[in-house]
Amino acid sequence: MVTQGEDSDSISEMAIVDLFTRLIFDADAVLDESDQLVLAILQHSDASLAAASRVDISEYLRAMDVREMIAVVASVKQQYEQQQLILLSKHYLHSPLLRH
Protein backbone atom coordinates (compact mmCIF):
# COMPACT_ATOMS: atom_id res chain seq x y z
CA MET A 1 0.00 0.00 0.00
CA VAL A 2 1.33 3.39 -0.95
CA THR A 3 1.34 5.65 2.08
CA GLN A 4 0.41 9.22 1.41
CA GLY A 5 2.16 12.16 3.01
CA GLU A 6 0.62 14.60 5.49
CA ASP A 7 -1.39 16.17 2.68
CA SER A 8 -3.89 13.59 1.43
CA ASP A 9 -3.24 14.75 -2.15
CA SER A 10 0.49 14.02 -1.91
CA ILE A 11 2.59 10.91 -1.79
CA SER A 12 6.07 10.48 -0.41
CA GLU A 13 9.03 9.43 -2.50
CA MET A 14 9.69 6.68 0.03
CA ALA A 15 6.19 5.27 -0.52
CA ILE A 16 6.86 5.10 -4.26
CA VAL A 17 10.28 3.53 -3.71
CA ASP A 18 8.65 1.01 -1.36
CA LEU A 19 6.13 0.06 -4.05
CA PHE A 20 8.86 -0.22 -6.69
CA THR A 21 10.92 -2.40 -4.33
CA ARG A 22 7.95 -4.69 -3.74
CA LEU A 23 7.44 -4.99 -7.50
CA ILE A 24 11.13 -5.73 -8.07
CA PHE A 25 11.04 -8.62 -5.61
CA ASP A 26 7.47 -9.77 -6.21
CA ALA A 27 5.94 -8.84 -9.56
CA ASP A 28 2.69 -10.46 -8.43
CA ALA A 29 2.38 -8.42 -5.23
CA VAL A 30 -1.17 -7.47 -4.26
CA LEU A 31 -1.75 -3.79 -5.02
CA ASP A 32 -4.39 -1.52 -3.57
CA GLU A 33 -6.04 1.31 -5.50
CA SER A 34 -3.31 3.90 -4.84
CA ASP A 35 -0.59 1.37 -5.72
CA GLN A 36 -2.38 0.67 -8.98
CA LEU A 37 -2.54 4.39 -9.75
CA VAL A 38 1.22 4.69 -9.18
CA LEU A 39 1.80 1.68 -11.44
CA ALA A 40 -0.46 3.15 -14.16
CA ILE A 41 1.43 6.45 -13.97
CA LEU A 42 4.73 4.59 -14.31
CA GLN A 43 3.38 2.73 -17.35
CA HIS A 44 2.25 5.98 -18.98
CA SER A 45 5.58 7.68 -18.25
CA ASP A 46 7.50 5.40 -20.61
CA ALA A 47 6.05 4.23 -23.93
CA SER A 48 7.89 0.91 -23.63
CA LEU A 49 5.84 0.12 -20.50
CA ALA A 50 2.41 0.91 -21.94
CA ALA A 51 1.49 -2.76 -22.49
CA ALA A 52 4.15 -4.26 -20.22
CA SER A 53 3.38 -7.10 -17.85
CA ARG A 54 4.21 -6.80 -14.17
CA VAL A 55 7.24 -9.05 -14.75
CA ASP A 56 8.43 -6.67 -17.48
CA ILE A 57 7.91 -3.69 -15.16
CA SER A 58 9.79 -5.52 -12.41
CA GLU A 59 12.73 -6.09 -14.75
CA TYR A 60 12.59 -2.47 -15.95
CA LEU A 61 12.80 -1.22 -12.36
CA ARG A 62 15.53 -3.70 -11.45
CA ALA A 63 17.69 -2.51 -14.36
CA MET A 64 17.65 1.15 -13.26
CA ASP A 65 20.63 2.79 -11.68
CA VAL A 66 20.15 5.07 -8.68
CA ARG A 67 19.99 8.31 -10.69
CA GLU A 68 17.39 6.87 -13.05
CA MET A 69 15.31 5.63 -10.13
CA ILE A 70 15.43 9.03 -8.42
CA ALA A 71 14.26 10.73 -11.62
CA VAL A 72 11.44 8.23 -12.20
CA VAL A 73 10.27 8.45 -8.58
CA ALA A 74 10.19 12.28 -8.77
CA SER A 75 8.27 12.17 -12.05
CA VAL A 76 5.75 9.61 -10.76
CA LYS A 77 5.28 11.64 -7.56
CA GLN A 78 4.55 14.80 -9.53
CA GLN A 79 2.12 13.04 -11.86
CA TYR A 80 0.39 11.28 -8.95
CA GLU A 81 -0.18 14.58 -7.21
CA GLN A 82 -1.52 16.13 -10.42
CA GLN A 83 -3.95 13.22 -10.80
CA GLN A 84 -5.11 13.65 -7.21
CA LEU A 85 -5.73 17.37 -7.80
CA ILE A 86 -7.73 16.60 -10.94
CA LEU A 87 -9.85 14.07 -9.06
CA LEU A 88 -10.34 16.49 -6.19
CA SER A 89 -11.37 19.34 -8.48
CA LYS A 90 -13.87 17.08 -10.27
CA HIS A 91 -15.29 16.11 -6.90
CA TYR A 92 -15.71 19.72 -5.83
CA LEU A 93 -17.17 20.78 -9.17
CA HIS A 94 -19.91 18.19 -8.70
CA SER A 95 -20.45 18.97 -5.04
CA PRO A 96 -24.02 19.91 -4.06
CA LEU A 97 -22.51 22.69 -1.93
CA LEU A 98 -21.53 24.56 -5.09
CA ARG A 99 -24.98 24.39 -6.65
CA HIS A 100 -27.26 27.38 -6.20
C-alpha atoms as a PDB file:
ATOM      1  CA  MET A   1       0.000   0.000   0.000  1.00  0.00           C
ATOM      2  CA  VAL A   2       1.334   3.392  -0.951  1.00  0.00           C
ATOM      3  CA  THR A   3       1.337   5.652   2.080  1.00  0.00           C
ATOM      4  CA  GLN A   4       0.412   9.224   1.414  1.00  0.00           C
ATOM      5  CA  GLY A   5       2.159  12.158   3.010  1.00  0.00           C
ATOM      6  CA  GLU A   6       0.625  14.597   5.495  1.00  0.00           C
ATOM      7  CA  ASP A   7      -1.393  16.174   2.680  1.00  0.00           C
ATOM      8  CA  SER A   8      -3.891  13.590   1.427  1.00  0.00           C
ATOM      9  CA  ASP A   9      -3.240  14.753  -2.148  1.00  0.00           C
ATOM     10  CA  SER A  10       0.487  14.020  -1.908  1.00  0.00           C
ATOM     11  CA  ILE A  11       2.589  10.910  -1.794  1.00  0.00           C
ATOM     12  CA  SER A  12       6.074  10.482  -0.408  1.00  0.00           C
ATOM     13  CA  GLU A  13       9.026   9.433  -2.499  1.00  0.00           C
ATOM     14  CA  MET A  14       9.689   6.682   0.027  1.00  0.00           C
ATOM     15  CA  ALA A  15       6.194   5.274  -0.524  1.00  0.00           C
ATOM     16  CA  ILE A  16       6.864   5.100  -4.264  1.00  0.00           C
ATOM     17  CA  VAL A  17      10.284   3.525  -3.708  1.00  0.00           C
ATOM     18  CA  ASP A  18       8.652   1.006  -1.361  1.00  0.00           C
ATOM     19  CA  LEU A  19       6.134   0.058  -4.055  1.00  0.00           C
ATOM     20  CA  PHE A  20       8.858  -0.224  -6.688  1.00  0.00           C
ATOM     21  CA  THR A  21      10.919  -2.402  -4.334  1.00  0.00           C
ATOM     22  CA  ARG A  22       7.947  -4.694  -3.736  1.00  0.00           C
ATOM     23  CA  LEU A  23       7.438  -4.988  -7.497  1.00  0.00           C
ATOM     24  CA  ILE A  24      11.132  -5.725  -8.070  1.00  0.00           C
ATOM     25  CA  PHE A  25      11.042  -8.617  -5.614  1.00  0.00           C
ATOM     26  CA  ASP A  26       7.469  -9.767  -6.214  1.00  0.00           C
ATOM     27  CA  ALA A  27       5.943  -8.842  -9.561  1.00  0.00           C
ATOM     28  CA  ASP A  28       2.689 -10.459  -8.431  1.00  0.00           C
ATOM     29  CA  ALA A  29       2.379  -8.415  -5.226  1.00  0.00           C
ATOM     30  CA  VAL A  30      -1.165  -7.469  -4.255  1.00  0.00           C
ATOM     31  CA  LEU A  31      -1.749  -3.787  -5.016  1.00  0.00           C
ATOM     32  CA  ASP A  32      -4.390  -1.521  -3.574  1.00  0.00           C
ATOM     33  CA  GLU A  33      -6.041   1.314  -5.497  1.00  0.00           C
ATOM     34  CA  SER A  34      -3.314   3.904  -4.838  1.00  0.00           C
ATOM     35  CA  ASP A  35      -0.585   1.366  -5.718  1.00  0.00           C
ATOM     36  CA  GLN A  36      -2.384   0.672  -8.980  1.00  0.00           C
ATOM     37  CA  LEU A  37      -2.536   4.387  -9.749  1.00  0.00           C
ATOM     38  CA  VAL A  38       1.220   4.694  -9.179  1.00  0.00           C
ATOM     39  CA  LEU A  39       1.795   1.678 -11.438  1.00  0.00           C
ATOM     40  CA  ALA A  40      -0.460   3.150 -14.155  1.00  0.00           C
ATOM     41  CA  ILE A  41       1.430   6.451 -13.973  1.00  0.00           C
ATOM     42  CA  LEU A  42       4.727   4.593 -14.314  1.00  0.00           C
ATOM     43  CA  GLN A  43       3.381   2.731 -17.350  1.00  0.00           C
ATOM     44  CA  HIS A  44       2.255   5.978 -18.976  1.00  0.00           C
ATOM     45  CA  SER A  45       5.578   7.683 -18.246  1.00  0.00           C
ATOM     46  CA  ASP A  46       7.499   5.403 -20.608  1.00  0.00           C
ATOM     47  CA  ALA A  47       6.047   4.234 -23.930  1.00  0.00           C
ATOM     48  CA  SER A  48       7.885   0.915 -23.630  1.00  0.00           C
ATOM     49  CA  LEU A  49       5.842   0.116 -20.498  1.00  0.00           C
ATOM     50  CA  ALA A  50       2.405   0.910 -21.939  1.00  0.00           C
ATOM     51  CA  ALA A  51       1.492  -2.755 -22.491  1.00  0.00           C
ATOM     52  CA  ALA A  52       4.147  -4.257 -20.219  1.00  0.00           C
ATOM     53  CA  SER A  53       3.377  -7.100 -17.853  1.00  0.00           C
ATOM     54  CA  ARG A  54       4.207  -6.804 -14.173  1.00  0.00           C
ATOM     55  CA  VAL A  55       7.237  -9.052 -14.751  1.00  0.00           C
ATOM     56  CA  ASP A  56       8.426  -6.666 -17.479  1.00  0.00           C
ATOM     57  CA  ILE A  57       7.911  -3.695 -15.160  1.00  0.00           C
ATOM     58  CA  SER A  58       9.791  -5.518 -12.413  1.00  0.00           C
ATOM     59  CA  GLU A  59      12.731  -6.088 -14.754  1.00  0.00           C
ATOM     60  CA  TYR A  60      12.585  -2.469 -15.950  1.00  0.00           C
ATOM     61  CA  LEU A  61      12.803  -1.219 -12.362  1.00  0.00           C
ATOM     62  CA  ARG A  62      15.531  -3.701 -11.451  1.00  0.00           C
ATOM     63  CA  ALA A  63      17.687  -2.510 -14.355  1.00  0.00           C
ATOM     64  CA  MET A  64      17.649   1.147 -13.258  1.00  0.00           C
ATOM     65  CA  ASP A  65      20.631   2.794 -11.679  1.00  0.00           C
ATOM     66  CA  VAL A  66      20.149   5.073  -8.678  1.00  0.00           C
ATOM     67  CA  ARG A  67      19.993   8.308 -10.688  1.00  0.00           C
ATOM     68  CA  GLU A  68      17.389   6.872 -13.050  1.00  0.00           C
ATOM     69  CA  MET A  69      15.311   5.627 -10.130  1.00  0.00           C
ATOM     70  CA  ILE A  70      15.433   9.027  -8.421  1.00  0.00           C
ATOM     71  CA  ALA A  71      14.259  10.732 -11.624  1.00  0.00           C
ATOM     72  CA  VAL A  72      11.435   8.232 -12.197  1.00  0.00           C
ATOM     73  CA  VAL A  73      10.274   8.451  -8.577  1.00  0.00           C
ATOM     74  CA  ALA A  74      10.190  12.276  -8.767  1.00  0.00           C
ATOM     75  CA  SER A  75       8.269  12.171 -12.047  1.00  0.00           C
ATOM     76  CA  VAL A  76       5.752   9.610 -10.764  1.00  0.00           C
ATOM     77  CA  LYS A  77       5.278  11.636  -7.556  1.00  0.00           C
ATOM     78  CA  GLN A  78       4.548  14.796  -9.535  1.00  0.00           C
ATOM     79  CA  GLN A  79       2.117  13.040 -11.864  1.00  0.00           C
ATOM     80  CA  TYR A  80       0.395  11.277  -8.951  1.00  0.00           C
ATOM     81  CA  GLU A  81      -0.185  14.579  -7.206  1.00  0.00           C
ATOM     82  CA  GLN A  82      -1.520  16.132 -10.417  1.00  0.00           C
ATOM     83  CA  GLN A  83      -3.948  13.221 -10.802  1.00  0.00           C
ATOM     84  CA  GLN A  84      -5.112  13.654  -7.211  1.00  0.00           C
ATOM     85  CA  LEU A  85      -5.734  17.374  -7.800  1.00  0.00           C
ATOM     86  CA  ILE A  86      -7.729  16.603 -10.941  1.00  0.00           C
ATOM     87  CA  LEU A  87      -9.854  14.070  -9.060  1.00  0.00           C
ATOM     88  CA  LEU A  88     -10.341  16.486  -6.188  1.00  0.00           C
ATOM     89  CA  SER A  89     -11.369  19.343  -8.485  1.00  0.00           C
ATOM     90  CA  LYS A  90     -13.866  17.083 -10.270  1.00  0.00           C
ATOM     91  CA  HIS A  91     -15.290  16.105  -6.902  1.00  0.00           C
ATOM     92  CA  TYR A  92     -15.711  19.720  -5.825  1.00  0.00           C
ATOM     93  CA  LEU A  93     -17.174  20.775  -9.169  1.00  0.00           C
ATOM     94  CA  HIS A  94     -19.909  18.191  -8.704  1.00  0.00           C
ATOM     95  CA  SER A  95     -20.452  18.966  -5.043  1.00  0.00           C
ATOM     96  CA  PRO A  96     -24.023  19.907  -4.055  1.00  0.00           C
ATOM     97  CA  LEU A  97     -22.514  22.687  -1.935  1.00  0.00           C
ATOM     98  CA  LEU A  98     -21.534  24.562  -5.089  1.00  0.00           C
ATOM     99  CA  ARG A  99     -24.983  24.394  -6.646  1.00  0.00           C
ATOM    100  CA  HIS A 100     -27.260  27.377  -6.201  1.00  0.00           C
END
